[in-house]
Amino acid sequence: MTKKVNEEKARQGRWGFNVLAVLVVGLLLAMIVWFGAEMFGQSTETPRTESGVETIEPADTDANPGG
């Protein structure tokens, strides 16, 4: 004989506070990681002039003449 189960109890998952908490915590963690990556990227960025072109030091060609 088949057992009758209430439709609400037969559902696999329920929406509620737990789902909301996981989504909010995941979003906050993603924002923290993004912020850290942005700060790291800005700290290692090469210096640029006002025109936006990278400043590159010229090579010292007189250090080793003839060779």
PDB file of N, CA and C in Angstrom:
ATOM      1  N   MET A   1       0.839  -1.174   0.000  1.00  0.00           N
ATOM      2  CA  MET A   1       0.000   0.000   0.000  1.00  0.00           C
ATOM      3  C   MET A   1       0.889   1.244   0.000  1.00  0.00           C
ATOM      4  N   THR A   2       0.562   2.228  -0.810  1.00  0.00           N
ATOM      5  CA  THR A   2       1.349   3.450  -0.890  1.00  0.00           C
ATOM      6  C   THR A   2       1.045   4.354   0.284  1.00  0.00           C
ATOM      7  N   LYS A   3       2.069   5.041   0.710  1.00  0.00           N
ATOM      8  CA  LYS A   3       1.928   5.939   1.862  1.00  0.00           C
ATOM      9  C   LYS A   3       1.634   7.351   1.367  1.00  0.00           C
ATOM     10  N   LYS A   4       0.647   7.997   1.931  1.00  0.00           N
ATOM     11  CA  LYS A   4       0.297   9.360   1.570  1.00  0.00           C
ATOM     12  C   LYS A   4       1.187  10.322   2.354  1.00  0.00           C
ATOM     13  N   VAL A   5       1.844  11.249   1.608  1.00  0.00           N
ATOM     14  CA  VAL A   5       2.735  12.225   2.229  1.00  0.00           C
ATOM     15  C   VAL A   5       2.231  13.617   1.867  1.00  0.00           C
ATOM     16  N   ASN A   6       2.244  14.473   2.840  1.00  0.00           N
ATOM     17  CA  ASN A   6       1.844  15.862   2.607  1.00  0.00           C
ATOM     18  C   ASN A   6       2.755  16.478   1.546  1.00  0.00           C
ATOM     19  N   GLU A   7       2.182  17.287   0.644  1.00  0.00           N
ATOM     20  CA  GLU A   7       2.964  17.879  -0.445  1.00  0.00           C
ATOM     21  C   GLU A   7       4.093  18.758   0.072  1.00  0.00           C
ATOM     22  N   GLU A   8       3.868  19.483   1.138  1.00  0.00           N
ATOM     23  CA  GLU A   8       4.897  20.376   1.687  1.00  0.00           C
ATOM     24  C   GLU A   8       6.069  19.576   2.252  1.00  0.00           C
ATOM     25  N   LYS A   9       5.800  18.466   2.881  1.00  0.00           N
ATOM     26  CA  LYS A   9       6.868  17.632   3.434  1.00  0.00           C
ATOM     27  C   LYS A   9       7.601  16.846   2.346  1.00  0.00           C
ATOM     28  N   ALA A  10       6.961  16.615   1.217  1.00  0.00           N
ATOM     29  CA  ALA A  10       7.565  15.835   0.144  1.00  0.00           C
ATOM     30  C   ALA A  10       8.532  16.663  -0.693  1.00  0.00           C
ATOM     31  N   ARG A  11       8.516  17.967  -0.552  1.00  0.00           N
ATOM     32  CA  ARG A  11       9.414  18.821  -1.338  1.00  0.00           C
ATOM     33  C   ARG A  11      10.868  18.569  -0.951  1.00  0.00           C
ATOM     34  N   GLN A  12      11.759  18.689  -1.916  1.00  0.00           N
ATOM     35  CA  GLN A  12      13.170  18.427  -1.668  1.00  0.00           C
ATOM     36  C   GLN A  12      13.837  19.539  -0.881  1.00  0.00           C
ATOM     37  N   GLY A  13      13.469  20.763  -1.149  1.00  0.00           N
ATOM     38  CA  GLY A  13      14.089  21.884  -0.452  1.00  0.00           C
ATOM     39  C   GLY A  13      13.089  22.987  -0.232  1.00  0.00           C
ATOM     40  N   ARG A  14      13.298  23.743   0.808  1.00  0.00           N
ATOM     41  CA  ARG A  14      12.384  24.826   1.119  1.00  0.00           C
ATOM     42  C   ARG A  14      13.133  26.142   1.076  1.00  0.00           C
ATOM     43  N   TRP A  15      12.471  27.175   0.612  1.00  0.00           N
ATOM     44  CA  TRP A  15      13.037  28.515   0.650  1.00  0.00           C
ATOM     45  C   TRP A  15      12.865  29.027   2.071  1.00  0.00           C
ATOM     46  N   GLY A  16      13.840  29.736   2.553  1.00  0.00           N
ATOM     47  CA  GLY A  16      13.733  30.260   3.897  1.00  0.00           C
ATOM     48  C   GLY A  16      14.983  31.012   4.288  1.00  0.00           C
ATOM     49  N   PHE A  17      15.143  31.177   5.573  1.00  0.00           N
ATOM     50  CA  PHE A  17      16.259  31.947   6.096  1.00  0.00           C
ATOM     51  C   PHE A  17      17.600  31.305   5.756  1.00  0.00           C
ATOM     52  N   ASN A  18      17.684  29.993   5.799  1.00  0.00           N
ATOM     53  CA  ASN A  18      18.960  29.315   5.523  1.00  0.00           C
ATOM     54  C   ASN A  18      19.444  29.581   4.103  1.00  0.00           C
ATOM     55  N   VAL A  19      18.547  29.531   3.149  1.00  0.00           N
ATOM     56  CA  VAL A  19      18.918  29.788   1.754  1.00  0.00           C
ATOM     57  C   VAL A  19      19.362  31.232   1.604  1.00  0.00           C
ATOM     58  N   LEU A  20      18.615  32.143   2.201  1.00  0.00           N
ATOM     59  CA  LEU A  20      18.968  33.565   2.136  1.00  0.00           C
ATOM     60  C   LEU A  20      20.322  33.816   2.787  1.00  0.00           C
ATOM     61  N   ALA A  21      20.587  33.190   3.919  1.00  0.00           N
ATOM     62  CA  ALA A  21      21.857  33.382   4.613  1.00  0.00           C
ATOM     63  C   ALA A  21      23.030  32.884   3.767  1.00  0.00           C
ATOM     64  N   VAL A  22      22.877  31.737   3.120  1.00  0.00           N
ATOM     65  CA  VAL A  22      23.948  31.200   2.276  1.00  0.00           C
ATOM     66  C   VAL A  22      24.202  32.138   1.098  1.00  0.00           C
ATOM     67  N   LEU A  23      23.151  32.639   0.481  1.00  0.00           N
ATOM     68  CA  LEU A  23      23.321  33.551  -0.654  1.00  0.00           C
ATOM     69  C   LEU A  23      23.981  34.855  -0.235  1.00  0.00           C
ATOM     70  N   VAL A  24      23.575  35.421   0.886  1.00  0.00           N
ATOM     71  CA  VAL A  24      24.146  36.688   1.343  1.00  0.00           C
ATOM     72  C   VAL A  24      25.604  36.511   1.746  1.00  0.00           C
ATOM     73  N   VAL A  25      25.921  35.449   2.464  1.00  0.00           N
ATOM     74  CA  VAL A  25      27.299  35.202   2.882  1.00  0.00           C
ATOM     75  C   VAL A  25      28.182  34.953   1.658  1.00  0.00           C
ATOM     76  N   GLY A  26      27.689  34.210   0.689  1.00  0.00           N
ATOM     77  CA  GLY A  26      28.451  33.974  -0.535  1.00  0.00           C
ATOM     78  C   GLY A  26      28.719  35.262  -1.294  1.00  0.00           C
ATOM     79  N   LEU A  27      27.719  36.138  -1.353  1.00  0.00           N
ATOM     80  CA  LEU A  27      27.892  37.418  -2.026  1.00  0.00           C
ATOM     81  C   LEU A  27      28.906  38.288  -1.290  1.00  0.00           C
ATOM     82  N   LEU A  28      28.839  38.315   0.021  1.00  0.00           N
ATOM     83  CA  LEU A  28      29.806  39.100   0.805  1.00  0.00           C
ATOM     84  C   LEU A  28      31.226  38.566   0.627  1.00  0.00           C
ATOM     85  N   LEU A  29      31.391  37.270   0.632  1.00  0.00           N
ATOM     86  CA  LEU A  29      32.721  36.691   0.426  1.00  0.00           C
ATOM     87  C   LEU A  29      33.263  37.020  -0.965  1.00  0.00           C
ATOM     88  N   ALA A  30      32.397  36.976  -1.969  1.00  0.00           N
ATOM     89  CA  ALA A  30      32.830  37.325  -3.327  1.00  0.00           C
ATOM     90  C   ALA A  30      33.260  38.792  -3.389  1.00  0.00           C
ATOM     91  N   MET A  31      32.540  39.674  -2.707  1.00  0.00           N
ATOM     92  CA  MET A  31      32.898  41.095  -2.702  1.00  0.00           C
ATOM     93  C   MET A  31      34.227  41.329  -1.982  1.00  0.00           C
ATOM     94  N   ILE A  32      34.473  40.603  -0.893  1.00  0.00           N
ATOM     95  CA  ILE A  32      35.736  40.734  -0.163  1.00  0.00           C
ATOM     96  C   ILE A  32      36.906  40.277  -1.032  1.00  0.00           C
ATOM     97  N   VAL A  33      36.742  39.155  -1.724  1.00  0.00           N
ATOM     98  CA  VAL A  33      37.805  38.655  -2.596  1.00  0.00           C
ATOM     99  C   VAL A  33      38.047  39.626  -3.750  1.00  0.00           C
ATOM    100  N   TRP A  34      36.977  40.162  -4.324  1.00  0.00           N
ATOM    101  CA  TRP A  34      37.110  41.123  -5.426  1.00  0.00           C
ATOM    102  C   TRP A  34      37.867  42.356  -4.948  1.00  0.00           C
ATOM    103  N   PHE A  35      37.517  42.871  -3.762  1.00  0.00           N
ATOM    104  CA  PHE A  35      38.184  44.045  -3.205  1.00  0.00           C
ATOM    105  C   PHE A  35      39.675  43.759  -3.002  1.00  0.00           C
ATOM    106  N   GLY A  36      40.006  42.589  -2.472  1.00  0.00           N
ATOM    107  CA  GLY A  36      41.405  42.221  -2.278  1.00  0.00           C
ATOM    108  C   GLY A  36      42.163  42.136  -3.586  1.00  0.00           C
ATOM    109  N   ALA A  37      41.527  41.578  -4.617  1.00  0.00           N
ATOM    110  CA  ALA A  37      42.181  41.484  -5.923  1.00  0.00           C
ATOM    111  C   ALA A  37      42.390  42.870  -6.525  1.00  0.00           C
ATOM    112  N   GLU A  38      41.437  43.761  -6.350  1.00  0.00           N
ATOM    113  CA  GLU A  38      41.576  45.126  -6.855  1.00  0.00           C
ATOM    114  C   GLU A  38      42.728  45.854  -6.154  1.00  0.00           C
ATOM    115  N   MET A  39      42.821  45.705  -4.842  1.00  0.00           N
ATOM    116  CA  MET A  39      43.889  46.369  -4.092  1.00  0.00           C
ATOM    117  C   MET A  39      45.252  45.813  -4.494  1.00  0.00           C
ATOM    118  N   PHE A  40      45.337  44.499  -4.659  1.00  0.00           N
ATOM    119  CA  PHE A  40      46.600  43.896  -5.085  1.00  0.00           C
ATOM    120  C   PHE A  40      46.972  44.366  -6.481  1.00  0.00           C
ATOM    121  N   GLY A  41      46.011  44.416  -7.387  1.00  0.00           N
ATOM    122  CA  GLY A  41      46.271  44.862  -8.745  1.00  0.00           C
ATOM    123  C   GLY A  41      46.730  46.301  -8.804  1.00  0.00           C
ATOM    124  N   GLN A  42      46.144  47.161  -7.978  1.00  0.00           N
ATOM    125  CA  GLN A  42      46.546  48.563  -7.970  1.00  0.00           C
ATOM    126  C   GLN A  42      47.917  48.746  -7.336  1.00  0.00           C
ATOM    127  N   SER A  43      48.262  47.903  -6.371  1.00  0.00           N
ATOM    128  CA  SER A  43      49.557  48.057  -5.716  1.00  0.00           C
ATOM    129  C   SER A  43      50.702  47.580  -6.609  1.00  0.00           C
ATOM    130  N   THR A  44      50.421  46.700  -7.556  1.00  0.00           N
ATOM    131  CA  THR A  44      51.468  46.195  -8.443  1.00  0.00           C
ATOM    132  C   THR A  44      51.415  46.822  -9.824  1.00  0.00           C
ATOM    133  N   GLU A  45      50.552  47.797 -10.028  1.00  0.00           N
ATOM    134  CA  GLU A  45      50.409  48.436 -11.338  1.00  0.00           C
ATOM    135  C   GLU A  45      51.635  49.281 -11.648  1.00  0.00           C
ATOM    136  N   THR A  46      52.047  49.292 -12.919  1.00  0.00           N
ATOM    137  CA  THR A  46      53.189  50.104 -13.319  1.00  0.00           C
ATOM    138  C   THR A  46      52.790  51.574 -13.334  1.00  0.00           C
ATOM    139  N   PRO A  47      53.720  52.468 -12.986  1.00  0.00           N
ATOM    140  CA  PRO A  47      53.393  53.890 -12.978  1.00  0.00           C
ATOM    141  C   PRO A  47      53.089  54.399 -14.380  1.00  0.00           C
ATOM    142  N   ARG A  48      52.178  55.330 -14.484  1.00  0.00           N
ATOM    143  CA  ARG A  48      51.799  55.893 -15.775  1.00  0.00           C
ATOM    144  C   ARG A  48      51.895  57.413 -15.701  1.00  0.00           C
ATOM    145  N   THR A  49      52.110  58.028 -16.852  1.00  0.00           N
ATOM    146  CA  THR A  49      52.158  59.483 -16.923  1.00  0.00           C
ATOM    147  C   THR A  49      50.734  60.011 -17.017  1.00  0.00           C
ATOM    148  N   GLU A  50      50.589  61.328 -17.084  1.00  0.00           N
ATOM    149  CA  GLU A  50      49.265  61.916 -17.167  1.00  0.00           C
ATOM    150  C   GLU A  50      48.562  61.546 -18.470  1.00  0.00           C
ATOM    151  N   SER A  51      49.328  61.242 -19.518  1.00  0.00           N
ATOM    152  CA  SER A  51      48.712  60.880 -20.790  1.00  0.00           C
ATOM    153  C   SER A  51      48.231  59.434 -20.795  1.00  0.00           C
ATOM    154  N   GLY A  52      48.569  58.666 -19.773  1.00  0.00           N
ATOM    155  CA  GLY A  52      48.138  57.282 -19.691  1.00  0.00           C
ATOM    156  C   GLY A  52      49.122  56.300 -20.304  1.00  0.00           C
ATOM    157  N   VAL A  53      50.267  56.774 -20.762  1.00  0.00           N
ATOM    158  CA  VAL A  53      51.278  55.909 -21.361  1.00  0.00           C
ATOM    159  C   VAL A  53      52.225  55.441 -20.263  1.00  0.00           C
ATOM    160  N   GLU A  54      52.595  54.180 -20.293  1.00  0.00           N
ATOM    161  CA  GLU A  54      53.502  53.648 -19.280  1.00  0.00           C
ATOM    162  C   GLU A  54      54.853  54.345 -19.353  1.00  0.00           C
ATOM    163  N   THR A  55      55.425  54.593 -18.187  1.00  0.00           N
ATOM    164  CA  THR A  55      56.764  55.179 -18.148  1.00  0.00           C
ATOM    165  C   THR A  55      57.776  54.041 -18.116  1.00  0.00           C
ATOM    166  N   ILE A  56      58.678  54.037 -19.073  1.00  0.00           N
ATOM    167  CA  ILE A  56      59.696  52.993 -19.173  1.00  0.00           C
ATOM    168  C   ILE A  56      61.055  53.676 -19.149  1.00  0.00           C
ATOM    169  N   GLU A  57      61.904  53.200 -18.262  1.00  0.00           N
ATOM    170  CA  GLU A  57      63.246  53.757 -18.168  1.00  0.00           C
ATOM    171  C   GLU A  57      64.062  53.316 -19.377  1.00  0.00           C
ATOM    172  N   PRO A  58      64.828  54.228 -19.989  1.00  0.00           N
ATOM    173  CA  PRO A  58      65.658  53.829 -21.134  1.00  0.00           C
ATOM    174  C   PRO A  58      66.796  52.924 -20.675  1.00  0.00           C
ATOM    175  N   ALA A  59      67.178  52.023 -21.542  1.00  0.00           N
ATOM    176  CA  ALA A  59      68.261  51.090 -21.229  1.00  0.00           C
ATOM    177  C   ALA A  59      69.590  51.855 -21.236  1.00  0.00           C
ATOM    178  N   ASP A  60      70.470  51.480 -20.330  1.00  0.00           N
ATOM    179  CA  ASP A  60      71.781  52.115 -20.238  1.00  0.00           C
ATOM    180  C   ASP A  60      72.711  51.422 -21.243  1.00  0.00           C
ATOM    181  N   THR A  61      72.899  52.014 -22.396  1.00  0.00           N
ATOM    182  CA  THR A  61      73.705  51.384 -23.445  1.00  0.00           C
ATOM    183  C   THR A  61      75.192  51.630 -23.255  1.00  0.00           C
ATOM    184  N   ASP A  62      75.589  52.569 -22.409  1.00  0.00           N
ATOM    185  CA  ASP A  62      77.008  52.878 -22.202  1.00  0.00           C
ATOM    186  C   ASP A  62      77.652  51.963 -21.171  1.00  0.00           C
ATOM    187  N   ALA A  63      76.890  51.131 -20.500  1.00  0.00           N
ATOM    188  CA  ALA A  63      77.433  50.288 -19.446  1.00  0.00           C
ATOM    189  C   ALA A  63      78.363  49.215 -19.990  1.00  0.00           C
ATOM    190  N   ASN A  64      78.088  48.710 -21.184  1.00  0.00           N
ATOM    191  CA  ASN A  64      78.892  47.646 -21.756  1.00  0.00           C
ATOM    192  C   ASN A  64      79.171  47.973 -23.218  1.00  0.00           C
ATOM    193  N   PRO A  65      80.121  48.869 -23.450  1.00  0.00           N
ATOM    194  CA  PRO A  65      80.383  49.259 -24.840  1.00  0.00           C
ATOM    195  C   PRO A  65      81.040  48.135 -25.615  1.00  0.00           C
ATOM    196  N   GLY A  66      80.584  47.968 -26.832  1.00  0.00           N
ATOM    197  CA  GLY A  66      81.193  47.012 -27.737  1.00  0.00           C
ATOM    198  C   GLY A  66      80.791  45.582 -27.503  1.00  0.00           C
ATOM    199  N   GLY A  67      79.861  45.368 -26.640  1.00  0.00           N
ATOM    200  CA  GLY A  67      79.676  43.982 -26.461  1.00  0.00           C
ATOM    201  C   GLY A  67      78.411  43.465 -26.055  1.00  0.00           C
TER     202      GLY A  67
END
